[in-house]
Amino acid sequence: MNKETSLFIDHVDDYIKSAQRELAFAREQEAGTSREAAHLEEARLALANAVTVLGRVLPSR
């Protein structure tokens, strides 16, 4: 794996960890609250960023 690919993979890993943290925070909130929704949205955005970065790294088929 070259250095650039390794850096992209590190970014993906960071985004996934961020999503996991946000999901954990969402679980601590009362269901249906705006705080829960905010944490879920942050998790969604982090995962979307991970997908975007993966799209740059993975070869197209």
C-alpha atoms as a PDB file:
ATOM      1  CA  MET A   1       0.000   0.000   0.000  1.00  0.00           C
ATOM      2  CA  ASN A   2       1.428   3.373  -0.919  1.00  0.00           C
ATOM      3  CA  LYS A   3       1.622   6.301   1.486  1.00  0.00           C
ATOM      4  CA  GLU A   4      -1.264   8.223  -0.085  1.00  0.00           C
ATOM      5  CA  THR A   5      -3.600   5.229   0.142  1.00  0.00           C
ATOM      6  CA  SER A   6      -2.529   4.668   3.721  1.00  0.00           C
ATOM      7  CA  LEU A   7      -3.414   8.279   4.569  1.00  0.00           C
ATOM      8  CA  PHE A   8      -6.837   7.906   2.948  1.00  0.00           C
ATOM      9  CA  ILE A   9      -7.464   4.741   4.965  1.00  0.00           C
ATOM     10  CA  ASP A  10      -6.472   6.604   8.145  1.00  0.00           C
ATOM     11  CA  HIS A  11      -9.058   9.282   7.320  1.00  0.00           C
ATOM     12  CA  VAL A  12     -11.725   6.626   6.785  1.00  0.00           C
ATOM     13  CA  ASP A  13     -10.820   5.088  10.130  1.00  0.00           C
ATOM     14  CA  ASP A  14     -11.096   8.490  11.832  1.00  0.00           C
ATOM     15  CA  TYR A  15     -14.524   9.122  10.291  1.00  0.00           C
ATOM     16  CA  ILE A  16     -15.765   5.710  11.411  1.00  0.00           C
ATOM     17  CA  LYS A  17     -14.509   6.301  14.949  1.00  0.00           C
ATOM     18  CA  SER A  18     -16.251   9.678  14.949  1.00  0.00           C
ATOM     19  CA  ALA A  19     -19.498   8.042  13.836  1.00  0.00           C
ATOM     20  CA  GLN A  20     -19.177   5.467  16.610  1.00  0.00           C
ATOM     21  CA  ARG A  21     -18.674   8.213  19.212  1.00  0.00           C
ATOM     22  CA  GLU A  22     -21.717  10.100  17.944  1.00  0.00           C
ATOM     23  CA  LEU A  23     -23.831   6.949  18.032  1.00  0.00           C
ATOM     24  CA  ALA A  24     -22.742   6.326  21.615  1.00  0.00           C
ATOM     25  CA  PHE A  25     -23.719   9.896  22.521  1.00  0.00           C
ATOM     26  CA  ALA A  26     -27.087   9.438  20.785  1.00  0.00           C
ATOM     27  CA  ARG A  27     -27.768   6.317  22.844  1.00  0.00           C
ATOM     28  CA  GLU A  28     -27.308   8.377  26.020  1.00  0.00           C
ATOM     29  CA  GLN A  29     -30.006  10.850  24.986  1.00  0.00           C
ATOM     30  CA  GLU A  30     -33.717  10.456  25.508  1.00  0.00           C
ATOM     31  CA  ALA A  31     -35.332   8.967  22.403  1.00  0.00           C
ATOM     32  CA  GLY A  32     -36.928  11.462  20.040  1.00  0.00           C
ATOM     33  CA  THR A  33     -35.119  14.526  21.360  1.00  0.00           C
ATOM     34  CA  SER A  34     -33.322  17.110  19.289  1.00  0.00           C
ATOM     35  CA  ARG A  35     -30.047  16.176  20.981  1.00  0.00           C
ATOM     36  CA  GLU A  36     -30.445  12.559  19.914  1.00  0.00           C
ATOM     37  CA  ALA A  37     -31.245  13.704  16.375  1.00  0.00           C
ATOM     38  CA  ALA A  38     -28.184  15.973  16.305  1.00  0.00           C
ATOM     39  CA  HIS A  39     -25.856  13.132  17.309  1.00  0.00           C
ATOM     40  CA  LEU A  40     -27.443  10.801  14.767  1.00  0.00           C
ATOM     41  CA  GLU A  41     -26.992  13.429  12.057  1.00  0.00           C
ATOM     42  CA  GLU A  42     -23.317  13.868  12.988  1.00  0.00           C
ATOM     43  CA  ALA A  43     -22.866  10.088  12.778  1.00  0.00           C
ATOM     44  CA  ARG A  44     -24.537  10.074   9.351  1.00  0.00           C
ATOM     45  CA  LEU A  45     -22.271  12.852   8.113  1.00  0.00           C
ATOM     46  CA  ALA A  46     -19.145  11.091   9.383  1.00  0.00           C
ATOM     47  CA  LEU A  47     -20.158   7.897   7.582  1.00  0.00           C
ATOM     48  CA  ALA A  48     -20.921   9.848   4.410  1.00  0.00           C
ATOM     49  CA  ASN A  49     -17.434  11.349   4.589  1.00  0.00           C
ATOM     50  CA  ALA A  50     -15.946   7.877   5.017  1.00  0.00           C
ATOM     51  CA  VAL A  51     -17.806   6.684   1.916  1.00  0.00           C
ATOM     52  CA  THR A  52     -16.566   9.687  -0.056  1.00  0.00           C
ATOM     53  CA  VAL A  53     -12.951   9.015   0.886  1.00  0.00           C
ATOM     54  CA  LEU A  54     -13.323   5.318   0.126  1.00  0.00           C
ATOM     55  CA  GLY A  55     -14.640   6.236  -3.303  1.00  0.00           C
ATOM     56  CA  ARG A  56     -11.385   8.068  -3.956  1.00  0.00           C
ATOM     57  CA  VAL A  57      -9.257   5.136  -2.855  1.00  0.00           C
ATOM     58  CA  LEU A  58     -11.050   2.111  -4.273  1.00  0.00           C
ATOM     59  CA  PRO A  59     -10.469   1.309  -7.911  1.00  0.00           C
ATOM     60  CA  SER A  60     -13.511   1.681 -10.113  1.00  0.00           C
ATOM     61  CA  ARG A  61     -14.836  -1.507 -11.623  1.00  0.00           C
END
